[in-house]
PDB file of all heavy atoms in Angstrom:
ATOM      1  N   PRO A   1      47.237  53.035-158.705  1.00  0.00           N
ATOM      2  CA  PRO A   1      47.102  52.184-159.892  1.00  0.00           C
ATOM      3  C   PRO A   1      45.669  52.153-160.409  1.00  0.00           C
ATOM      4  O   PRO A   1      44.724  52.422-159.667  1.00  0.00           O
ATOM      5  CB  PRO A   1      47.524  50.801-159.383  1.00  0.00           C
ATOM      6  CG  PRO A   1      47.207  50.832-157.924  1.00  0.00           C
ATOM      7  CD  PRO A   1      47.454  52.240-157.477  1.00  0.00           C
ATOM      8  N   VAL A   2      45.548  51.830-161.667  1.00  0.00           N
ATOM      9  CA  VAL A   2      44.230  51.664-162.284  1.00  0.00           C
ATOM     10  C   VAL A   2      44.142  50.241-162.836  1.00  0.00           C
ATOM     11  O   VAL A   2      45.139  49.526-162.935  1.00  0.00           O
ATOM     12  CB  VAL A   2      43.990  52.695-163.408  1.00  0.00           C
ATOM     13  CG1 VAL A   2      43.996  54.103-162.851  1.00  0.00           C
ATOM     14  CG2 VAL A   2      45.058  52.552-164.501  1.00  0.00           C
ATOM     15  N   ARG A   3      42.937  49.844-163.210  1.00  0.00           N
ATOM     16  CA  ARG A   3      42.759  48.514-163.783  1.00  0.00           C
ATOM     17  C   ARG A   3      43.529  48.377-165.089  1.00  0.00           C
ATOM     18  O   ARG A   3      43.574  49.313-165.891  1.00  0.00           O
ATOM     19  CB  ARG A   3      41.277  48.237-164.019  1.00  0.00           C
ATOM     20  CG  ARG A   3      40.468  48.095-162.728  1.00  0.00           C
ATOM     21  CD  ARG A   3      39.010  47.761-163.009  1.00  0.00           C
ATOM     22  NE  ARG A   3      38.265  47.557-161.770  1.00  0.00           N
ATOM     23  CZ  ARG A   3      38.171  46.392-161.136  1.00  0.00           C
ATOM     24  NH1 ARG A   3      38.773  45.326-161.644  1.00  0.00           N
ATOM     25  NH2 ARG A   3      37.481  46.274-160.016  1.00  0.00           N
ATOM     26  N   ASP A   4      44.138  47.226-165.283  1.00  0.00           N
ATOM     27  CA  ASP A   4      44.891  46.959-166.504  1.00  0.00           C
ATOM     28  C   ASP A   4      44.030  46.108-167.438  1.00  0.00           C
ATOM     29  O   ASP A   4      43.913  44.891-167.272  1.00  0.00           O
ATOM     30  CB  ASP A   4      46.194  46.234-166.160  1.00  0.00           C
ATOM     31  CG  ASP A   4      47.077  46.005-167.370  1.00  0.00           C
ATOM     32  OD1 ASP A   4      46.651  46.343-168.500  1.00  0.00           O
ATOM     33  OD2 ASP A   4      48.194  45.482-167.198  1.00  0.00           O
ATOM     34  N   ALA A   5      43.437  46.762-168.422  1.00  0.00           N
ATOM     35  CA  ALA A   5      42.525  46.064-169.340  1.00  0.00           C
ATOM     36  C   ALA A   5      43.255  45.032-170.192  1.00  0.00           C
ATOM     37  O   ALA A   5      42.651  44.092-170.711  1.00  0.00           O
ATOM     38  CB  ALA A   5      41.822  47.083-170.237  1.00  0.00           C
ATOM     39  N   ALA A   6      44.578  45.186-170.321  1.00  0.00           N
ATOM     40  CA  ALA A   6      45.342  44.268-171.162  1.00  0.00           C
ATOM     41  C   ALA A   6      45.849  43.046-170.396  1.00  0.00           C
ATOM     42  O   ALA A   6      46.448  42.148-170.995  1.00  0.00           O
ATOM     43  CB  ALA A   6      46.533  45.015-171.783  1.00  0.00           C
ATOM     44  N   TRP A   7      45.607  43.011-169.103  1.00  0.00           N
ATOM     45  CA  TRP A   7      46.101  41.880-168.306  1.00  0.00           C
ATOM     46  C   TRP A   7      45.423  40.591-168.765  1.00  0.00           C
ATOM     47  O   TRP A   7      44.213  40.530-168.952  1.00  0.00           O
ATOM     48  CB  TRP A   7      45.806  42.122-166.831  1.00  0.00           C
ATOM     49  CG  TRP A   7      46.450  41.133-165.909  1.00  0.00           C
ATOM     50  CD1 TRP A   7      47.741  41.129-165.475  1.00  0.00           C
ATOM     51  CD2 TRP A   7      45.815  40.008-165.286  1.00  0.00           C
ATOM     52  NE1 TRP A   7      47.961  40.080-164.623  1.00  0.00           N
ATOM     53  CE2 TRP A   7      46.791  39.363-164.478  1.00  0.00           C
ATOM     54  CE3 TRP A   7      44.523  39.485-165.315  1.00  0.00           C
ATOM     55  CZ2 TRP A   7      46.527  38.230-163.729  1.00  0.00           C
ATOM     56  CZ3 TRP A   7      44.248  38.347-164.566  1.00  0.00           C
ATOM     57  CH2 TRP A   7      45.236  37.730-163.789  1.00  0.00           C
ATOM     58  N   ASP A   8      46.229  39.551-168.963  1.00  0.00           N
ATOM     59  CA  ASP A   8      45.743  38.292-169.510  1.00  0.00           C
ATOM     60  C   ASP A   8      45.875  37.194-168.469  1.00  0.00           C
ATOM     61  O   ASP A   8      46.984  36.816-168.086  1.00  0.00           O
ATOM     62  CB  ASP A   8      46.541  37.941-170.769  1.00  0.00           C
ATOM     63  CG  ASP A   8      46.021  36.691-171.467  1.00  0.00           C
ATOM     64  OD1 ASP A   8      45.098  36.042-170.934  1.00  0.00           O
ATOM     65  OD2 ASP A   8      46.546  36.368-172.555  1.00  0.00           O
ATOM     66  N   ALA A   9      44.756  36.676-167.998  1.00  0.00           N
ATOM     67  CA  ALA A   9      44.769  35.642-166.971  1.00  0.00           C
ATOM     68  C   ALA A   9      45.468  34.366-167.437  1.00  0.00           C
ATOM     69  O   ALA A   9      45.978  33.602-166.617  1.00  0.00           O
ATOM     70  CB  ALA A   9      43.342  35.321-166.535  1.00  0.00           C
ATOM     71  N   LYS A  10      45.524  34.154-168.747  1.00  0.00           N
ATOM     72  CA  LYS A  10      46.186  32.959-169.282  1.00  0.00           C
ATOM     73  C   LYS A  10      47.708  33.096-169.219  1.00  0.00           C
ATOM     74  O   LYS A  10      48.423  32.103-169.307  1.00  0.00           O
ATOM     75  CB  LYS A  10      45.736  32.714-170.725  1.00  0.00           C
ATOM     76  CG  LYS A  10      44.248  32.370-170.844  1.00  0.00           C
ATOM     77  CD  LYS A  10      43.859  32.150-172.294  1.00  0.00           C
ATOM     78  CE  LYS A  10      42.382  31.811-172.421  1.00  0.00           C
ATOM     79  NZ  LYS A  10      41.975  31.620-173.839  1.00  0.00           N
ATOM     80  N   LYS A  11      48.171  34.324-169.129  1.00  0.00           N
ATOM     81  CA  LYS A  11      49.610  34.599-168.982  1.00  0.00           C
ATOM     82  C   LYS A  11      49.786  35.496-167.764  1.00  0.00           C
ATOM     83  O   LYS A  11      50.375  36.568-167.851  1.00  0.00           O
ATOM     84  CB  LYS A  11      50.156  35.276-170.236  1.00  0.00           C
ATOM     85  CG  LYS A  11      49.928  34.493-171.516  1.00  0.00           C
ATOM     86  CD  LYS A  11      50.375  35.298-172.723  1.00  0.00           C
ATOM     87  CE  LYS A  11      50.080  34.561-174.027  1.00  0.00           C
ATOM     88  NZ  LYS A  11      50.455  35.374-175.215  1.00  0.00           N
ATOM     89  N   ALA A  12      49.252  35.045-166.657  1.00  0.00           N
ATOM     90  CA  ALA A  12      49.113  35.895-165.476  1.00  0.00           C
ATOM     91  C   ALA A  12      50.452  36.435-164.970  1.00  0.00           C
ATOM     92  O   ALA A  12      51.356  35.672-164.640  1.00  0.00           O
ATOM     93  CB  ALA A  12      48.419  35.123-164.367  1.00  0.00           C
ATOM     94  N   ASP A  13      50.562  37.758-164.946  1.00  0.00           N
ATOM     95  CA  ASP A  13      51.726  38.436-164.389  1.00  0.00           C
ATOM     96  C   ASP A  13      51.413  38.769-162.937  1.00  0.00           C
ATOM     97  O   ASP A  13      50.484  39.524-162.656  1.00  0.00           O
ATOM     98  CB  ASP A  13      51.997  39.726-165.181  1.00  0.00           C
ATOM     99  CG  ASP A  13      53.243  40.447-164.694  1.00  0.00           C
ATOM    100  OD1 ASP A  13      53.776  40.085-163.624  1.00  0.00           O
ATOM    101  OD2 ASP A  13      53.682  41.390-165.388  1.00  0.00           O
ATOM    102  N   PRO A  14      52.169  38.218-161.973  1.00  0.00           N
ATOM    103  CA  PRO A  14      51.847  38.460-160.560  1.00  0.00           C
ATOM    104  C   PRO A  14      52.065  39.890-160.102  1.00  0.00           C
ATOM    105  O   PRO A  14      51.620  40.261-159.011  1.00  0.00           O
ATOM    106  CB  PRO A  14      52.791  37.498-159.814  1.00  0.00           C
ATOM    107  CG  PRO A  14      53.912  37.244-160.763  1.00  0.00           C
ATOM    108  CD  PRO A  14      53.310  37.291-162.137  1.00  0.00           C
ATOM    109  N   ALA A  15      52.726  40.713-160.928  1.00  0.00           N
ATOM    110  CA  ALA A  15      53.027  42.088-160.514  1.00  0.00           C
ATOM    111  C   ALA A  15      51.867  43.043-160.722  1.00  0.00           C
ATOM    112  O   ALA A  15      51.863  44.142-160.179  1.00  0.00           O
ATOM    113  CB  ALA A  15      54.256  42.608-161.261  1.00  0.00           C
ATOM    114  N   ASN A  16      50.889  42.657-161.550  1.00  0.00           N
ATOM    115  CA  ASN A  16      49.739  43.537-161.766  1.00  0.00           C
ATOM    116  C   ASN A  16      48.484  42.689-161.935  1.00  0.00           C
ATOM    117  O   ASN A  16      48.487  41.495-161.657  1.00  0.00           O
ATOM    118  CB  ASN A  16      49.959  44.484-162.946  1.00  0.00           C
ATOM    119  CG  ASN A  16      50.222  43.747-164.237  1.00  0.00           C
ATOM    120  OD1 ASN A  16      49.983  42.542-164.354  1.00  0.00           O
ATOM    121  ND2 ASN A  16      50.711  44.463-165.229  1.00  0.00           N
ATOM    122  N   SER A  17      47.408  43.300-162.398  1.00  0.00           N
ATOM    123  CA  SER A  17      46.134  42.595-162.431  1.00  0.00           C
ATOM    124  C   SER A  17      45.128  43.400-163.230  1.00  0.00           C
ATOM    125  O   SER A  17      45.352  44.573-163.542  1.00  0.00           O
ATOM    126  CB  SER A  17      45.620  42.409-160.995  1.00  0.00           C
ATOM    127  OG  SER A  17      44.314  41.884-160.979  1.00  0.00           O
ATOM    128  N   GLU A  18      44.001  42.775-163.521  1.00  0.00           N
ATOM    129  CA  GLU A  18      42.890  43.539-164.075  1.00  0.00           C
ATOM    130  C   GLU A  18      42.233  44.382-162.991  1.00  0.00           C
ATOM    131  O   GLU A  18      41.432  45.267-163.276  1.00  0.00           O
ATOM    132  CB  GLU A  18      41.857  42.618-164.710  1.00  0.00           C
ATOM    133  CG  GLU A  18      41.152  41.679-163.756  1.00  0.00           C
ATOM    134  CD  GLU A  18      40.180  40.764-164.483  1.00  0.00           C
ATOM    135  OE1 GLU A  18      40.619  40.010-165.373  1.00  0.00           O
ATOM    136  OE2 GLU A  18      38.981  40.819-164.159  1.00  0.00           O
ATOM    137  N   ALA A  19      42.565  44.122-161.728  1.00  0.00           N
ATOM    138  CA  ALA A  19      42.162  44.981-160.612  1.00  0.00           C
ATOM    139  C   ALA A  19      43.146  46.151-160.517  1.00  0.00           C
ATOM    140  O   ALA A  19      44.255  46.084-161.067  1.00  0.00           O
ATOM    141  CB  ALA A  19      42.159  44.187-159.311  1.00  0.00           C
ATOM    142  N   PRO A  20      42.794  47.227-159.806  1.00  0.00           N
ATOM    143  CA  PRO A  20      43.729  48.348-159.607  1.00  0.00           C
ATOM    144  C   PRO A  20      44.774  47.986-158.550  1.00  0.00           C
ATOM    145  O   PRO A  20      44.762  48.476-157.419  1.00  0.00           O
ATOM    146  CB  PRO A  20      42.827  49.492-159.157  1.00  0.00           C
ATOM    147  CG  PRO A  20      41.661  48.819-158.503  1.00  0.00           C
ATOM    148  CD  PRO A  20      41.453  47.534-159.252  1.00  0.00           C
ATOM    149  N   TYR A  21      45.686  47.106-158.942  1.00  0.00           N
ATOM    150  CA  TYR A  21      46.608  46.451-158.007  1.00  0.00           C
ATOM    151  C   TYR A  21      47.991  46.367-158.639  1.00  0.00           C
ATOM    152  O   TYR A  21      48.128  45.995-159.809  1.00  0.00           O
ATOM    153  CB  TYR A  21      46.069  45.053-157.709  1.00  0.00           C
ATOM    154  CG  TYR A  21      47.025  44.098-157.029  1.00  0.00           C
ATOM    155  CD1 TYR A  21      47.042  43.980-155.645  1.00  0.00           C
ATOM    156  CD2 TYR A  21      47.877  43.273-157.769  1.00  0.00           C
ATOM    157  CE1 TYR A  21      47.890  43.077-155.008  1.00  0.00           C
ATOM    158  CE2 TYR A  21      48.731  42.373-157.152  1.00  0.00           C
ATOM    159  CZ  TYR A  21      48.737  42.281-155.770  1.00  0.00           C
ATOM    160  OH  TYR A  21      49.575  41.396-155.141  1.00  0.00           O
ATOM    161  N   ARG A  22      49.019  46.723-157.873  1.00  0.00           N
ATOM    162  CA  ARG A  22      50.394  46.594-158.355  1.00  0.00           C
ATOM    163  C   ARG A  22      51.291  46.154-157.205  1.00  0.00           C
ATOM    164  O   ARG A  22      51.032  46.441-156.036  1.00  0.00           O
ATOM    165  CB  ARG A  22      50.927  47.918-158.907  1.00  0.00           C
ATOM    166  CG  ARG A  22      50.185  48.466-160.109  1.00  0.00           C
ATOM    167  CD  ARG A  22      50.389  47.620-161.361  1.00  0.00           C
ATOM    168  NE  ARG A  22      49.723  48.226-162.512  1.00  0.00           N
ATOM    169  CZ  ARG A  22      48.435  48.094-162.815  1.00  0.00           C
ATOM    170  NH1 ARG A  22      47.651  47.361-162.020  1.00  0.00           N
ATOM    171  NH2 ARG A  22      47.925  48.671-163.873  1.00  0.00           N
ATOM    172  N   VAL A  23      52.385  45.476-157.553  1.00  0.00           N
ATOM    173  CA  VAL A  23      53.443  45.115-156.611  1.00  0.00           C
ATOM    174  C   VAL A  23      54.772  45.542-157.220  1.00  0.00           C
ATOM    175  O   VAL A  23      55.011  45.319-158.419  1.00  0.00           O
ATOM    176  CB  VAL A  23      53.462  43.601-156.317  1.00  0.00           C
ATOM    177  CG1 VAL A  23      54.675  43.237-155.471  1.00  0.00           C
ATOM    178  CG2 VAL A  23      52.189  43.173-155.599  1.00  0.00           C
ATOM    179  N   TYR A  24      55.612  46.161-156.397  1.00  0.00           N
ATOM    180  CA  TYR A  24      56.930  46.595-156.848  1.00  0.00           C
ATOM    181  C   TYR A  24      57.992  46.184-155.835  1.00  0.00           C
ATOM    182  O   TYR A  24      57.742  46.137-154.622  1.00  0.00           O
ATOM    183  CB  TYR A  24      57.004  48.124-156.972  1.00  0.00           C
ATOM    184  CG  TYR A  24      56.120  48.719-158.039  1.00  0.00           C
ATOM    185  CD1 TYR A  24      54.844  49.189-157.724  1.00  0.00           C
ATOM    186  CD2 TYR A  24      56.568  48.844-159.357  1.00  0.00           C
ATOM    187  CE1 TYR A  24      54.027  49.746-158.696  1.00  0.00           C
ATOM    188  CE2 TYR A  24      55.757  49.405-160.329  1.00  0.00           C
ATOM    189  CZ  TYR A  24      54.491  49.848-159.999  1.00  0.00           C
ATOM    190  OH  TYR A  24      53.679  50.404-160.964  1.00  0.00           O
ATOM    191  N   ASN A  25      59.198  45.905-156.327  1.00  0.00           N
ATOM    192  CA  ASN A  25      60.375  45.852-155.474  1.00  0.00           C
ATOM    193  C   ASN A  25      60.821  47.278-155.197  1.00  0.00           C
ATOM    194  O   ASN A  25      60.775  48.132-156.094  1.00  0.00           O
ATOM    195  CB  ASN A  25      61.530  45.121-156.165  1.00  0.00           C
ATOM    196  CG  ASN A  25      61.339  43.627-156.220  1.00  0.00           C
ATOM    197  OD1 ASN A  25      60.635  43.039-155.403  1.00  0.00           O
ATOM    198  ND2 ASN A  25      61.981  42.993-157.201  1.00  0.00           N
ATOM    199  N   ILE A  26      61.289  47.528-153.982  1.00  0.00           N
ATOM    200  CA  ILE A  26      61.902  48.816-153.692  1.00  0.00           C
ATOM    201  C   ILE A  26      63.210  48.548-152.953  1.00  0.00           C
ATOM    202  O   ILE A  26      63.223  48.129-151.797  1.00  0.00           O
ATOM    203  CB  ILE A  26      60.945  49.757-152.927  1.00  0.00           C
ATOM    204  CG1 ILE A  26      61.581  51.124-152.719  1.00  0.00           C
ATOM    205  CG2 ILE A  26      60.436  49.144-151.632  1.00  0.00           C
ATOM    206  CD1 ILE A  26      60.584  52.205-152.318  1.00  0.00           C
ATOM    207  N   GLY A  27      64.296  48.712-153.684  1.00  0.00           N
ATOM    208  CA  GLY A  27      65.625  48.439-153.163  1.00  0.00           C
ATOM    209  C   GLY A  27      66.640  49.266-153.921  1.00  0.00           C
ATOM    210  O   GLY A  27      66.289  50.207-154.647  1.00  0.00           O
ATOM    211  N   SER A  28      67.908  48.905-153.786  1.00  0.00           N
ATOM    212  CA  SER A  28      68.968  49.692-154.430  1.00  0.00           C
ATOM    213  C   SER A  28      69.442  49.087-155.743  1.00  0.00           C
ATOM    214  O   SER A  28      70.102  49.760-156.538  1.00  0.00           O
ATOM    215  CB  SER A  28      70.164  49.820-153.482  1.00  0.00           C
ATOM    216  OG  SER A  28      70.810  48.557-153.327  1.00  0.00           O
ATOM    217  N   ASN A  29      69.121  47.795-155.969  1.00  0.00           N
ATOM    218  CA  ASN A  29      69.616  47.063-157.140  1.00  0.00           C
ATOM    219  C   ASN A  29      71.140  46.970-157.129  1.00  0.00           C
ATOM    220  O   ASN A  29      71.761  46.834-158.178  1.00  0.00           O
ATOM    221  CB  ASN A  29      69.122  47.711-158.447  1.00  0.00           C
ATOM    222  CG  ASN A  29      69.290  46.799-159.646  1.00  0.00           C
ATOM    223  OD1 ASN A  29      69.261  45.581-159.520  1.00  0.00           O
ATOM    224  ND2 ASN A  29      69.485  47.387-160.820  1.00  0.00           N
ATOM    225  N   ARG A  30      71.732  47.048-155.912  1.00  0.00           N
ATOM    226  CA  ARG A  30      73.186  46.937-155.782  1.00  0.00           C
ATOM    227  C   ARG A  30      73.514  46.066-154.561  1.00  0.00           C
ATOM    228  O   ARG A  30      73.796  46.591-153.478  1.00  0.00           O
ATOM    229  CB  ARG A  30      73.828  48.318-155.607  1.00  0.00           C
ATOM    230  CG  ARG A  30      73.740  49.220-156.821  1.00  0.00           C
ATOM    231  CD  ARG A  30      74.551  50.503-156.621  1.00  0.00           C
ATOM    232  NE  ARG A  30      74.087  51.256-155.471  1.00  0.00           N
ATOM    233  CZ  ARG A  30      73.136  52.187-155.521  1.00  0.00           C
ATOM    234  NH1 ARG A  30      72.541  52.456-156.669  1.00  0.00           N
ATOM    235  NH2 ARG A  30      72.776  52.844-154.434  1.00  0.00           N
ATOM    236  N   PRO A  31      73.484  44.743-154.700  1.00  0.00           N
ATOM    237  CA  PRO A  31      73.767  43.896-153.534  1.00  0.00           C
ATOM    238  C   PRO A  31      75.190  44.106-153.027  1.00  0.00           C
ATOM    239  O   PRO A  31      76.135  44.291-153.803  1.00  0.00           O
ATOM    240  CB  PRO A  31      73.561  42.480-154.073  1.00  0.00           C
ATOM    241  CG  PRO A  31      73.730  42.591-155.552  1.00  0.00           C
ATOM    242  CD  PRO A  31      73.230  43.952-155.916  1.00  0.00           C
ATOM    243  N   VAL A  32      75.321  44.104-151.706  1.00  0.00           N
ATOM    244  CA  VAL A  32      76.616  44.321-151.059  1.00  0.00           C
ATOM    245  C   VAL A  32      76.964  43.084-150.248  1.00  0.00           C
ATOM    246  O   VAL A  32      76.133  42.572-149.485  1.00  0.00           O
ATOM    247  CB  VAL A  32      76.563  45.556-150.127  1.00  0.00           C
ATOM    248  CG1 VAL A  32      77.876  45.726-149.370  1.00  0.00           C
ATOM    249  CG2 VAL A  32      76.228  46.816-150.926  1.00  0.00           C
ATOM    250  N   LYS A  33      78.178  42.593-150.404  1.00  0.00           N
ATOM    251  CA  LYS A  33      78.624  41.448-149.625  1.00  0.00           C
ATOM    252  C   LYS A  33      78.690  41.820-148.149  1.00  0.00           C
ATOM    253  O   LYS A  33      79.078  42.937-147.789  1.00  0.00           O
ATOM    254  CB  LYS A  33      79.993  40.976-150.108  1.00  0.00           C
ATOM    255  CG  LYS A  33      79.985  40.393-151.514  1.00  0.00           C
ATOM    256  CD  LYS A  33      81.388  39.965-151.933  1.00  0.00           C
ATOM    257  CE  LYS A  33      81.384  39.376-153.341  1.00  0.00           C
ATOM    258  NZ  LYS A  33      82.752  38.991-153.773  1.00  0.00           N
ATOM    259  N   LEU A  34      78.311  40.868-147.293  1.00  0.00           N
ATOM    260  CA  LEU A  34      78.278  41.129-145.863  1.00  0.00           C
ATOM    261  C   LEU A  34      79.631  41.594-145.345  1.00  0.00           C
ATOM    262  O   LEU A  34      79.705  42.543-144.547  1.00  0.00           O
ATOM    263  CB  LEU A  34      77.842  39.872-145.114  1.00  0.00           C
ATOM    264  CG  LEU A  34      77.792  39.982-143.584  1.00  0.00           C
ATOM    265  CD1 LEU A  34      76.775  41.037-143.156  1.00  0.00           C
ATOM    266  CD2 LEU A  34      77.454  38.626-142.955  1.00  0.00           C
ATOM    267  N   MET A  35      80.706  40.980-145.785  1.00  0.00           N
ATOM    268  CA  MET A  35      82.029  41.356-145.288  1.00  0.00           C
ATOM    269  C   MET A  35      82.421  42.756-145.758  1.00  0.00           C
ATOM    270  O   MET A  35      83.114  43.491-145.038  1.00  0.00           O
ATOM    271  CB  MET A  35      83.075  40.324-145.717  1.00  0.00           C
ATOM    272  CG  MET A  35      82.793  38.904-145.216  1.00  0.00           C
ATOM    273  SD  MET A  35      82.391  38.805-143.448  1.00  0.00           S
ATOM    274  CE  MET A  35      83.914  39.395-142.714  1.00  0.00           C
ATOM    275  N   ASP A  36      81.975  43.163-146.940  1.00  0.00           N
ATOM    276  CA  ASP A  36      82.229  44.534-147.405  1.00  0.00           C
ATOM    277  C   ASP A  36      81.435  45.536-146.565  1.00  0.00           C
ATOM    278  O   ASP A  36      81.901  46.648-146.289  1.00  0.00           O
ATOM    279  CB  ASP A  36      81.843  44.681-148.877  1.00  0.00           C
ATOM    280  CG  ASP A  36      82.773  43.919-149.806  1.00  0.00           C
ATOM    281  OD1 ASP A  36      83.898  43.582-149.372  1.00  0.00           O
ATOM    282  OD2 ASP A  36      82.371  43.650-150.958  1.00  0.00           O
ATOM    283  N   PHE A  37      80.248  45.134-146.160  1.00  0.00           N
ATOM    284  CA  PHE A  37      79.413  45.984-145.308  1.00  0.00           C
ATOM    285  C   PHE A  37      80.081  46.177-143.956  1.00  0.00           C
ATOM    286  O   PHE A  37      80.154  47.299-143.433  1.00  0.00           O
ATOM    287  CB  PHE A  37      78.045  45.322-145.151  1.00  0.00           C
ATOM    288  CG  PHE A  37      77.012  46.175-144.472  1.00  0.00           C
ATOM    289  CD1 PHE A  37      76.612  47.383-145.013  1.00  0.00           C
ATOM    290  CD2 PHE A  37      76.409  45.739-143.296  1.00  0.00           C
ATOM    291  CE1 PHE A  37      75.632  48.160-144.392  1.00  0.00           C
ATOM    292  CE2 PHE A  37      75.433  46.505-142.671  1.00  0.00           C
ATOM    293  CZ  PHE A  37      75.050  47.721-143.221  1.00  0.00           C
ATOM    294  N   ILE A  38      80.587  45.092-143.402  1.00  0.00           N
ATOM    295  CA  ILE A  38      81.290  45.180-142.118  1.00  0.00           C
ATOM    296  C   ILE A  38      82.533  46.059-142.253  1.00  0.00           C
ATOM    297  O   ILE A  38      82.832  46.880-141.373  1.00  0.00           O
ATOM    298  CB  ILE A  38      81.662  43.776-141.608  1.00  0.00           C
ATOM    299  CG1 ILE A  38      80.397  42.988-141.265  1.00  0.00           C
ATOM    300  CG2 ILE A  38      82.593  43.859-140.391  1.00  0.00           C
ATOM    301  CD1 ILE A  38      80.636  41.527-140.913  1.00  0.00           C
TER     302      ILE A  38
END
């Protein structure tokens, strides 16, 4: 990642920053019921 010059501290998005910092979810986006899994 690189610094995000457009990041606005007044509308702070926790997923990125003016620092070279990012956070992502990494999953399947398809929740499965426990009983279906079994």
